[in-house]
């Protein structure tokens, strides 16, 4: 047994993952930790898919020059919406006629599955900053000035990205596909708040900024927001990457460590190496 592989032994580790909760719990257990799983969010379709359907029609009418995909889940959800109007094969054919940009590996994987070439992919940690920088580096191949650009959005609109594209001269159309909501059962999330306040959590791992927002929202509803903030000073806080860390700090929560790459397995590894000291 090495310090790294069992670095979480004896530590109670909170995971706020939802879709990949079982995988996260297993990773924590593999490093000797006691996983405390509290799903904090769910993806729900936007109430009206009008804008997504408008995107489909405008894409078919050759209205766009560039389409930017931000998430794998959102890319697939958008394809399902488009399929209510046109066959998937037509959607794929239309995408092959424009320049496609992927924010990270997940939308890139969907495009590869569809057989659609991708002109630009943002490097790690795959935030909007890296995406804009990658577009700047490839401005000759994928120009923005005077071009019509569609952006597949997820959750809340990324105003910084949209503003950055517009500042570079693009005519931007946001295409919302789904948004984040609290889980239907908030019981585990409420228990997590109680455990943190009772000093029964040693490490908390955040893999998206929405988890921060929802945890604090539930604590506020319970009348325990201030108690939660005070208690989290005693918890080792791990963040998946810069955007999540930015939200944590903006919310007044310290960040003890980020992984070298924004992946769950590497985050848990970082927790195993650094949580005992941070705690």
C-alpha atoms as a PDB file:
ATOM      1  CA  UNK A   1       0.000   0.000   0.000  1.00  0.00           C
ATOM      2  CA  UNK A   2       1.437   3.380  -1.002  1.00  0.00           C
ATOM      3  CA  UNK A   3       0.598   6.763   0.482  1.00  0.00           C
ATOM      4  CA  UNK A   4      -0.804   7.803  -2.896  1.00  0.00           C
ATOM      5  CA  UNK A   5      -3.055   4.829  -3.525  1.00  0.00           C
ATOM      6  CA  UNK A   6      -4.503   4.921   0.012  1.00  0.00           C
ATOM      7  CA  UNK A   7      -4.054   8.600   0.673  1.00  0.00           C
ATOM      8  CA  UNK A   8      -7.754   9.039   1.461  1.00  0.00           C
ATOM      9  CA  UNK A   9      -7.847   6.302   4.105  1.00  0.00           C
ATOM     10  CA  UNK A  10      -9.898   7.411   7.077  1.00  0.00           C
ATOM     11  CA  UNK A  11     -11.198  10.509   5.259  1.00  0.00           C
ATOM     12  CA  UNK A  12     -14.850  11.229   4.508  1.00  0.00           C
ATOM     13  CA  UNK A  13     -14.968  12.529   0.934  1.00  0.00           C
ATOM     14  CA  UNK A  14     -17.973  14.404  -0.432  1.00  0.00           C
ATOM     15  CA  UNK A  15     -18.772  14.045  -4.132  1.00  0.00           C
ATOM     16  CA  UNK A  16     -21.460  16.253  -5.670  1.00  0.00           C
ATOM     17  CA  UNK A  17     -21.425  14.381  -8.983  1.00  0.00           C
ATOM     18  CA  UNK A  18     -24.780  13.418 -10.466  1.00  0.00           C
ATOM     19  CA  UNK A  19     -24.537  11.668 -13.840  1.00  0.00           C
ATOM     20  CA  UNK A  20     -21.237   9.959 -12.922  1.00  0.00           C
ATOM     21  CA  UNK A  21     -21.882   9.554  -9.196  1.00  0.00           C
ATOM     22  CA  UNK A  22     -21.205   5.768  -9.057  1.00  0.00           C
ATOM     23  CA  UNK A  23     -17.909   6.179 -10.904  1.00  0.00           C
ATOM     24  CA  UNK A  24     -16.799   8.953  -8.561  1.00  0.00           C
ATOM     25  CA  UNK A  25     -17.734   6.924  -5.475  1.00  0.00           C
ATOM     26  CA  UNK A  26     -15.705   3.986  -6.752  1.00  0.00           C
ATOM     27  CA  UNK A  27     -12.664   6.178  -7.400  1.00  0.00           C
ATOM     28  CA  UNK A  28     -12.812   7.575  -3.865  1.00  0.00           C
ATOM     29  CA  UNK A  29     -13.150   4.089  -2.369  1.00  0.00           C
ATOM     30  CA  UNK A  30     -10.196   2.838  -4.433  1.00  0.00           C
ATOM     31  CA  UNK A  31      -8.023   5.412  -2.687  1.00  0.00           C
ATOM     32  CA  UNK A  32      -9.259   4.301   0.731  1.00  0.00           C
ATOM     33  CA  UNK A  33     -11.746   7.115   1.275  1.00  0.00           C
ATOM     34  CA  UNK A  34     -15.300   6.903   2.551  1.00  0.00           C
ATOM     35  CA  UNK A  35     -17.449   8.318  -0.275  1.00  0.00           C
ATOM     36  CA  UNK A  36     -20.360  10.568   0.650  1.00  0.00           C
ATOM     37  CA  UNK A  37     -22.389  11.001  -2.546  1.00  0.00           C
ATOM     38  CA  UNK A  38     -24.843  13.884  -2.880  1.00  0.00           C
ATOM     39  CA  UNK A  39     -26.058  14.422  -6.464  1.00  0.00           C
ATOM     40  CA  UNK A  40     -26.432  18.172  -6.859  1.00  0.00           C
ATOM     41  CA  UNK A  41     -27.895  18.767 -10.310  1.00  0.00           C
ATOM     42  CA  UNK A  42     -29.774  17.383 -13.277  1.00  0.00           C
ATOM     43  CA  UNK A  43     -29.876  18.352 -16.914  1.00  0.00           C
ATOM     44  CA  UNK A  44     -33.322  19.346 -18.150  1.00  0.00           C
ATOM     45  CA  UNK A  45     -34.319  20.416 -21.671  1.00  0.00           C
ATOM     46  CA  UNK A  46     -35.128  24.092 -22.068  1.00  0.00           C
ATOM     47  CA  UNK A  47     -38.866  24.672 -21.834  1.00  0.00           C
ATOM     48  CA  UNK A  48     -39.053  25.634 -25.485  1.00  0.00           C
ATOM     49  CA  UNK A  49     -36.728  24.325 -28.188  1.00  0.00           C
ATOM     50  CA  UNK A  50     -37.735  27.165 -30.509  1.00  0.00           C
ATOM     51  CA  UNK A  51     -34.211  28.536 -30.784  1.00  0.00           C
ATOM     52  CA  UNK A  52     -32.749  25.082 -31.409  1.00  0.00           C
ATOM     53  CA  UNK A  53     -35.308  24.479 -34.163  1.00  0.00           C
ATOM     54  CA  UNK A  54     -34.551  27.896 -35.630  1.00  0.00           C
ATOM     55  CA  UNK A  55     -30.880  26.930 -35.628  1.00  0.00           C
ATOM     56  CA  UNK A  56     -31.698  23.753 -37.570  1.00  0.00           C
ATOM     57  CA  UNK A  57     -33.598  25.697 -40.227  1.00  0.00           C
ATOM     58  CA  UNK A  58     -30.938  28.393 -40.517  1.00  0.00           C
ATOM     59  CA  UNK A  59     -28.164  25.789 -40.759  1.00  0.00           C
ATOM     60  CA  UNK A  60     -30.039  24.080 -43.587  1.00  0.00           C
ATOM     61  CA  UNK A  61     -30.394  27.461 -45.297  1.00  0.00           C
ATOM     62  CA  UNK A  62     -26.592  27.974 -45.118  1.00  0.00           C
ATOM     63  CA  UNK A  63     -27.012  30.849 -42.670  1.00  0.00           C
ATOM     64  CA  UNK A  64     -23.999  29.904 -40.540  1.00  0.00           C
ATOM     65  CA  UNK A  65     -20.287  29.854 -41.329  1.00  0.00           C
ATOM     66  CA  UNK A  66     -19.117  28.319 -38.041  1.00  0.00           C
ATOM     67  CA  UNK A  67     -20.734  26.175 -35.347  1.00  0.00           C
ATOM     68  CA  UNK A  68     -19.152  25.871 -31.894  1.00  0.00           C
ATOM     69  CA  UNK A  69     -20.027  22.866 -29.713  1.00  0.00           C
ATOM     70  CA  UNK A  70     -19.341  23.238 -26.002  1.00  0.00           C
ATOM     71  CA  UNK A  71     -20.411  19.878 -24.509  1.00  0.00           C
ATOM     72  CA  UNK A  72     -20.884  16.309 -25.619  1.00  0.00           C
ATOM     73  CA  UNK A  73     -24.259  15.950 -23.889  1.00  0.00           C
ATOM     74  CA  UNK A  74     -25.444  19.208 -25.433  1.00  0.00           C
ATOM     75  CA  UNK A  75     -24.253  18.185 -28.886  1.00  0.00           C
ATOM     76  CA  UNK A  76     -26.265  14.956 -28.729  1.00  0.00           C
ATOM     77  CA  UNK A  77     -29.297  16.767 -27.294  1.00  0.00           C
ATOM     78  CA  UNK A  78     -29.157  19.310 -30.107  1.00  0.00           C
ATOM     79  CA  UNK A  79     -28.946  16.520 -32.680  1.00  0.00           C
ATOM     80  CA  UNK A  80     -32.093  14.956 -31.199  1.00  0.00           C
ATOM     81  CA  UNK A  81     -33.930  18.282 -31.465  1.00  0.00           C
ATOM     82  CA  UNK A  82     -32.796  18.725 -35.084  1.00  0.00           C
ATOM     83  CA  UNK A  83     -33.992  15.204 -35.878  1.00  0.00           C
ATOM     84  CA  UNK A  84     -37.554  16.328 -35.174  1.00  0.00           C
ATOM     85  CA  UNK A  85     -37.249  18.501 -38.280  1.00  0.00           C
ATOM     86  CA  UNK A  86     -34.605  16.843 -40.479  1.00  0.00           C
ATOM     87  CA  UNK A  87     -32.974  13.400 -40.661  1.00  0.00           C
ATOM     88  CA  UNK A  88     -29.689  13.098 -38.756  1.00  0.00           C
ATOM     89  CA  UNK A  89     -27.898  12.456 -42.062  1.00  0.00           C
ATOM     90  CA  UNK A  90     -28.959  15.878 -43.304  1.00  0.00           C
ATOM     91  CA  UNK A  91     -27.790  17.535 -40.077  1.00  0.00           C
ATOM     92  CA  UNK A  92     -24.404  15.846 -40.445  1.00  0.00           C
ATOM     93  CA  UNK A  93     -24.199  16.900 -44.100  1.00  0.00           C
ATOM     94  CA  UNK A  94     -24.947  20.513 -43.135  1.00  0.00           C
ATOM     95  CA  UNK A  95     -22.239  20.453 -40.443  1.00  0.00           C
ATOM     96  CA  UNK A  96     -19.716  19.214 -43.005  1.00  0.00           C
ATOM     97  CA  UNK A  97     -20.380  22.369 -45.027  1.00  0.00           C
ATOM     98  CA  UNK A  98     -19.410  24.719 -42.187  1.00  0.00           C
ATOM     99  CA  UNK A  99     -16.388  25.057 -39.933  1.00  0.00           C
ATOM    100  CA  UNK A 100     -16.943  23.157 -36.701  1.00  0.00           C
ATOM    101  CA  UNK A 101     -15.198  24.052 -33.443  1.00  0.00           C
ATOM    102  CA  UNK A 102     -15.160  21.855 -30.317  1.00  0.00           C
ATOM    103  CA  UNK A 103     -14.450  23.190 -26.843  1.00  0.00           C
ATOM    104  CA  UNK A 104     -13.055  19.878 -25.613  1.00  0.00           C
ATOM    105  CA  UNK A 105     -12.778  16.114 -26.074  1.00  0.00           C
ATOM    106  CA  UNK A 106     -16.447  15.260 -25.475  1.00  0.00           C
ATOM    107  CA  UNK A 107     -18.015  17.264 -28.316  1.00  0.00           C
ATOM    108  CA  UNK A 108     -14.992  16.277 -30.408  1.00  0.00           C
ATOM    109  CA  UNK A 109     -15.831  12.598 -29.809  1.00  0.00           C
ATOM    110  CA  UNK A 110     -19.432  13.163 -30.949  1.00  0.00           C
ATOM    111  CA  UNK A 111     -18.243  14.889 -34.136  1.00  0.00           C
ATOM    112  CA  UNK A 112     -15.881  11.984 -34.847  1.00  0.00           C
ATOM    113  CA  UNK A 113     -18.804   9.601 -34.358  1.00  0.00           C
ATOM    114  CA  UNK A 114     -20.828  11.657 -36.844  1.00  0.00           C
ATOM    115  CA  UNK A 115     -17.897  11.778 -39.256  1.00  0.00           C
ATOM    116  CA  UNK A 116     -17.734  15.578 -39.120  1.00  0.00           C
ATOM    117  CA  UNK A 117     -14.271  17.182 -39.357  1.00  0.00           C
ATOM    118  CA  UNK A 118     -13.378  19.626 -36.576  1.00  0.00           C
ATOM    119  CA  UNK A 119     -11.355  22.704 -37.516  1.00  0.00           C
ATOM    120  CA  UNK A 120     -10.342  23.829 -34.007  1.00  0.00           C
ATOM    121  CA  UNK A 121     -10.340  22.186 -30.585  1.00  0.00           C
ATOM    122  CA  UNK A 122      -9.532  24.055 -27.373  1.00  0.00           C
ATOM    123  CA  UNK A 123      -6.653  22.623 -25.315  1.00  0.00           C
ATOM    124  CA  UNK A 124      -6.934  21.732 -21.623  1.00  0.00           C
ATOM    125  CA  UNK A 125      -8.423  22.830 -19.352  1.00  0.00           C
ATOM    126  CA  UNK A 126     -10.965  23.443 -22.145  1.00  0.00           C
ATOM    127  CA  UNK A 127     -12.490  26.645 -20.766  1.00  0.00           C
ATOM    128  CA  UNK A 128     -13.864  29.537 -22.824  1.00  0.00           C
ATOM    129  CA  UNK A 129     -10.490  31.246 -22.439  1.00  0.00           C
ATOM    130  CA  UNK A 130      -8.621  28.394 -24.145  1.00  0.00           C
ATOM    131  CA  UNK A 131     -11.340  28.261 -26.792  1.00  0.00           C
ATOM    132  CA  UNK A 132     -10.935  31.937 -27.680  1.00  0.00           C
ATOM    133  CA  UNK A 133      -7.146  31.605 -27.622  1.00  0.00           C
ATOM    134  CA  UNK A 134      -7.328  28.602 -29.974  1.00  0.00           C
ATOM    135  CA  UNK A 135      -9.558  30.574 -32.339  1.00  0.00           C
ATOM    136  CA  UNK A 136      -7.084  33.470 -32.238  1.00  0.00           C
ATOM    137  CA  UNK A 137      -4.241  31.093 -33.083  1.00  0.00           C
ATOM    138  CA  UNK A 138      -6.214  29.712 -36.020  1.00  0.00           C
ATOM    139  CA  UNK A 139      -7.717  32.994 -37.207  1.00  0.00           C
ATOM    140  CA  UNK A 140      -6.475  32.496 -40.751  1.00  0.00           C
ATOM    141  CA  UNK A 141      -8.167  29.086 -41.076  1.00  0.00           C
ATOM    142  CA  UNK A 142     -11.267  29.920 -39.007  1.00  0.00           C
ATOM    143  CA  UNK A 143     -11.828  33.684 -39.261  1.00  0.00           C
ATOM    144  CA  UNK A 144     -14.467  35.295 -37.064  1.00  0.00           C
ATOM    145  CA  UNK A 145     -14.772  38.848 -38.347  1.00  0.00           C
ATOM    146  CA  UNK A 146     -17.914  39.186 -40.408  1.00  0.00           C
ATOM    147  CA  UNK A 147     -18.757  35.487 -39.966  1.00  0.00           C
ATOM    148  CA  UNK A 148     -22.015  34.052 -38.659  1.00  0.00           C
ATOM    149  CA  UNK A 149     -21.274  31.838 -35.650  1.00  0.00           C
ATOM    150  CA  UNK A 150     -23.691  29.543 -33.776  1.00  0.00           C
ATOM    151  CA  UNK A 151     -22.786  28.461 -30.225  1.00  0.00           C
ATOM    152  CA  UNK A 152     -24.358  25.382 -28.631  1.00  0.00           C
ATOM    153  CA  UNK A 153     -24.916  26.430 -25.031  1.00  0.00           C
ATOM    154  CA  UNK A 154     -25.460  24.448 -21.850  1.00  0.00           C
ATOM    155  CA  UNK A 155     -26.794  25.425 -18.468  1.00  0.00           C
ATOM    156  CA  UNK A 156     -26.348  29.163 -18.051  1.00  0.00           C
ATOM    157  CA  UNK A 157     -25.245  31.279 -20.998  1.00  0.00           C
ATOM    158  CA  UNK A 158     -21.492  31.952 -21.103  1.00  0.00           C
ATOM    159  CA  UNK A 159     -21.516  35.708 -21.503  1.00  0.00           C
ATOM    160  CA  UNK A 160     -17.720  35.965 -21.565  1.00  0.00           C
ATOM    161  CA  UNK A 161     -17.459  33.595 -24.515  1.00  0.00           C
ATOM    162  CA  UNK A 162     -20.261  35.280 -26.470  1.00  0.00           C
ATOM    163  CA  UNK A 163     -18.777  38.722 -25.775  1.00  0.00           C
ATOM    164  CA  UNK A 164     -15.330  37.495 -26.818  1.00  0.00           C
ATOM    165  CA  UNK A 165     -16.662  36.206 -30.126  1.00  0.00           C
ATOM    166  CA  UNK A 166     -18.540  39.437 -30.778  1.00  0.00           C
ATOM    167  CA  UNK A 167     -15.442  41.486 -29.923  1.00  0.00           C
ATOM    168  CA  UNK A 168     -13.643  39.559 -32.658  1.00  0.00           C
ATOM    169  CA  UNK A 169     -16.278  40.652 -35.167  1.00  0.00           C
ATOM    170  CA  UNK A 170     -18.511  37.575 -35.234  1.00  0.00           C
ATOM    171  CA  UNK A 171     -22.298  37.681 -35.589  1.00  0.00           C
ATOM    172  CA  UNK A 172     -23.201  35.301 -32.765  1.00  0.00           C
ATOM    173  CA  UNK A 173     -26.313  33.167 -32.330  1.00  0.00           C
ATOM    174  CA  UNK A 174     -26.677  31.351 -28.997  1.00  0.00           C
ATOM    175  CA  UNK A 175     -28.392  27.947 -29.221  1.00  0.00           C
ATOM    176  CA  UNK A 176     -29.516  26.801 -25.733  1.00  0.00           C
ATOM    177  CA  UNK A 177     -30.212  23.089 -25.466  1.00  0.00           C
ATOM    178  CA  UNK A 178     -30.571  22.278 -21.769  1.00  0.00           C
ATOM    179  CA  UNK A 179     -30.228  23.938 -18.411  1.00  0.00           C
ATOM    180  CA  UNK A 180     -29.218  22.911 -14.919  1.00  0.00           C
ATOM    181  CA  UNK A 181     -31.759  22.319 -12.167  1.00  0.00           C
ATOM    182  CA  UNK A 182     -31.613  20.911  -8.669  1.00  0.00           C
ATOM    183  CA  UNK A 183     -32.093  17.143  -8.473  1.00  0.00           C
ATOM    184  CA  UNK A 184     -35.668  15.987  -7.968  1.00  0.00           C
ATOM    185  CA  UNK A 185     -34.570  14.464  -4.651  1.00  0.00           C
ATOM    186  CA  UNK A 186     -32.586  17.083  -2.714  1.00  0.00           C
ATOM    187  CA  UNK A 187     -32.405  14.853   0.373  1.00  0.00           C
ATOM    188  CA  UNK A 188     -28.778  13.743  -0.146  1.00  0.00           C
ATOM    189  CA  UNK A 189     -27.719  17.342  -0.825  1.00  0.00           C
ATOM    190  CA  UNK A 190     -29.400  18.512   2.392  1.00  0.00           C
ATOM    191  CA  UNK A 191     -27.689  15.727   4.331  1.00  0.00           C
ATOM    192  CA  UNK A 192     -24.378  16.842   2.827  1.00  0.00           C
ATOM    193  CA  UNK A 193     -24.961  20.362   4.169  1.00  0.00           C
ATOM    194  CA  UNK A 194     -25.699  18.916   7.603  1.00  0.00           C
ATOM    195  CA  UNK A 195     -22.593  16.718   7.510  1.00  0.00           C
ATOM    196  CA  UNK A 196     -20.346  19.621   6.541  1.00  0.00           C
ATOM    197  CA  UNK A 197     -21.776  21.778   9.316  1.00  0.00           C
ATOM    198  CA  UNK A 198     -21.296  18.916  11.809  1.00  0.00           C
ATOM    199  CA  UNK A 199     -17.632  18.565  10.761  1.00  0.00           C
ATOM    200  CA  UNK A 200     -18.342  15.107   9.312  1.00  0.00           C
ATOM    201  CA  UNK A 201     -16.758  15.817   5.919  1.00  0.00           C
ATOM    202  CA  UNK A 202     -12.975  15.965   5.480  1.00  0.00           C
ATOM    203  CA  UNK A 203     -12.707  16.506   1.725  1.00  0.00           C
ATOM    204  CA  UNK A 204     -15.146  17.992  -0.814  1.00  0.00           C
ATOM    205  CA  UNK A 205     -14.649  17.532  -4.564  1.00  0.00           C
ATOM    206  CA  UNK A 206     -16.285  19.901  -7.061  1.00  0.00           C
ATOM    207  CA  UNK A 207     -16.379  18.937 -10.728  1.00  0.00           C
ATOM    208  CA  UNK A 208     -18.468  21.841 -12.083  1.00  0.00           C
ATOM    209  CA  UNK A 209     -19.297  25.352 -10.961  1.00  0.00           C
ATOM    210  CA  UNK A 210     -23.024  24.571 -10.801  1.00  0.00           C
ATOM    211  CA  UNK A 211     -22.359  22.226  -7.862  1.00  0.00           C
ATOM    212  CA  UNK A 212     -21.053  25.190  -5.873  1.00  0.00           C
ATOM    213  CA  UNK A 213     -24.145  27.267  -6.658  1.00  0.00           C
ATOM    214  CA  UNK A 214     -26.576  24.494  -5.786  1.00  0.00           C
ATOM    215  CA  UNK A 215     -24.832  23.509  -2.532  1.00  0.00           C
ATOM    216  CA  UNK A 216     -24.964  27.100  -1.295  1.00  0.00           C
ATOM    217  CA  UNK A 217     -28.547  27.476  -2.515  1.00  0.00           C
ATOM    218  CA  UNK A 218     -29.711  24.471  -0.497  1.00  0.00           C
ATOM    219  CA  UNK A 219     -27.753  25.661   2.552  1.00  0.00           C
ATOM    220  CA  UNK A 220     -29.480  29.052   2.289  1.00  0.00           C
ATOM    221  CA  UNK A 221     -32.912  27.386   2.046  1.00  0.00           C
ATOM    222  CA  UNK A 222     -32.034  25.425   5.207  1.00  0.00           C
ATOM    223  CA  UNK A 223     -30.933  28.589   6.997  1.00  0.00           C
ATOM    224  CA  UNK A 224     -27.398  27.196   7.269  1.00  0.00           C
ATOM    225  CA  UNK A 225     -25.477  29.171   4.663  1.00  0.00           C
ATOM    226  CA  UNK A 226     -23.226  30.979   7.152  1.00  0.00           C
ATOM    227  CA  UNK A 227     -22.659  27.791   9.147  1.00  0.00           C
ATOM    228  CA  UNK A 228     -21.760  25.960   5.949  1.00  0.00           C
ATOM    229  CA  UNK A 229     -19.267  28.633   4.888  1.00  0.00           C
ATOM    230  CA  UNK A 230     -17.595  28.544   8.308  1.00  0.00           C
ATOM    231  CA  UNK A 231     -17.465  24.746   8.364  1.00  0.00           C
ATOM    232  CA  UNK A 232     -15.975  24.555   4.857  1.00  0.00           C
ATOM    233  CA  UNK A 233     -12.897  26.376   6.161  1.00  0.00           C
ATOM    234  CA  UNK A 234     -12.089  23.074   7.887  1.00  0.00           C
ATOM    235  CA  UNK A 235     -12.632  20.994   4.724  1.00  0.00           C
ATOM    236  CA  UNK A 236      -9.996  20.252   2.070  1.00  0.00           C
ATOM    237  CA  UNK A 237     -11.538  21.598  -1.157  1.00  0.00           C
ATOM    238  CA  UNK A 238     -10.663  20.089  -4.546  1.00  0.00           C
ATOM    239  CA  UNK A 239     -11.708  21.717  -7.822  1.00  0.00           C
ATOM    240  CA  UNK A 240     -11.689  20.093 -11.265  1.00  0.00           C
ATOM    241  CA  UNK A 241     -10.341  23.205 -13.002  1.00  0.00           C
ATOM    242  CA  UNK A 242     -10.152  26.998 -13.387  1.00  0.00           C
ATOM    243  CA  UNK A 243     -13.834  27.740 -14.063  1.00  0.00           C
ATOM    244  CA  UNK A 244     -14.989  25.772 -11.013  1.00  0.00           C
ATOM    245  CA  UNK A 245     -12.214  27.297  -8.894  1.00  0.00           C
ATOM    246  CA  UNK A 246     -13.289  30.757 -10.025  1.00  0.00           C
ATOM    247  CA  UNK A 247     -16.870  30.075  -8.901  1.00  0.00           C
ATOM    248  CA  UNK A 248     -15.676  28.703  -5.552  1.00  0.00           C
ATOM    249  CA  UNK A 249     -13.537  31.752  -4.846  1.00  0.00           C
ATOM    250  CA  UNK A 250     -16.270  34.085  -6.082  1.00  0.00           C
ATOM    251  CA  UNK A 251     -18.574  32.388  -3.560  1.00  0.00           C
ATOM    252  CA  UNK A 252     -16.036  32.891  -0.781  1.00  0.00           C
ATOM    253  CA  UNK A 253     -14.861  29.263  -0.652  1.00  0.00           C
ATOM    254  CA  UNK A 254     -11.128  28.504  -0.640  1.00  0.00           C
ATOM    255  CA  UNK A 255      -9.572  26.032  -3.087  1.00  0.00           C
ATOM    256  CA  UNK A 256      -6.815  23.715  -1.837  1.00  0.00           C
ATOM    257  CA  UNK A 257      -5.948  21.882  -5.042  1.00  0.00           C
ATOM    258  CA  UNK A 258      -6.680  21.385  -8.740  1.00  0.00           C
ATOM    259  CA  UNK A 259      -5.556  18.358 -10.766  1.00  0.00           C
ATOM    260  CA  UNK A 260      -2.964  18.674 -13.528  1.00  0.00           C
ATOM    261  CA  UNK A 261      -5.702  17.792 -16.040  1.00  0.00           C
ATOM    262  CA  UNK A 262      -9.457  18.412 -15.639  1.00  0.00           C
ATOM    263  CA  UNK A 263     -10.513  14.787 -15.247  1.00  0.00           C
ATOM    264  CA  UNK A 264     -12.290  13.053 -12.362  1.00  0.00           C
ATOM    265  CA  UNK A 265      -9.718  10.310 -11.900  1.00  0.00           C
ATOM    266  CA  UNK A 266      -6.869  12.796 -11.746  1.00  0.00           C
ATOM    267  CA  UNK A 267      -8.854  14.973  -9.327  1.00  0.00           C
ATOM    268  CA  UNK A 268      -9.302  12.053  -6.923  1.00  0.00           C
ATOM    269  CA  UNK A 269      -5.607  11.208  -7.298  1.00  0.00           C
ATOM    270  CA  UNK A 270      -4.757  14.810  -6.384  1.00  0.00           C
ATOM    271  CA  UNK A 271      -7.069  14.531  -3.398  1.00  0.00           C
ATOM    272  CA  UNK A 272      -5.255  11.388  -2.251  1.00  0.00           C
ATOM    273  CA  UNK A 273      -1.895  13.147  -2.511  1.00  0.00           C
ATOM    274  CA  UNK A 274      -2.850  16.497  -1.040  1.00  0.00           C
ATOM    275  CA  UNK A 275      -5.943  16.216   1.145  1.00  0.00           C
ATOM    276  CA  UNK A 276      -4.234  14.915   4.315  1.00  0.00           C
ATOM    277  CA  UNK A 277      -1.899  17.911   4.346  1.00  0.00           C
ATOM    278  CA  UNK A 278      -4.640  20.367   3.437  1.00  0.00           C
ATOM    279  CA  UNK A 279      -6.918  18.927   6.090  1.00  0.00           C
END
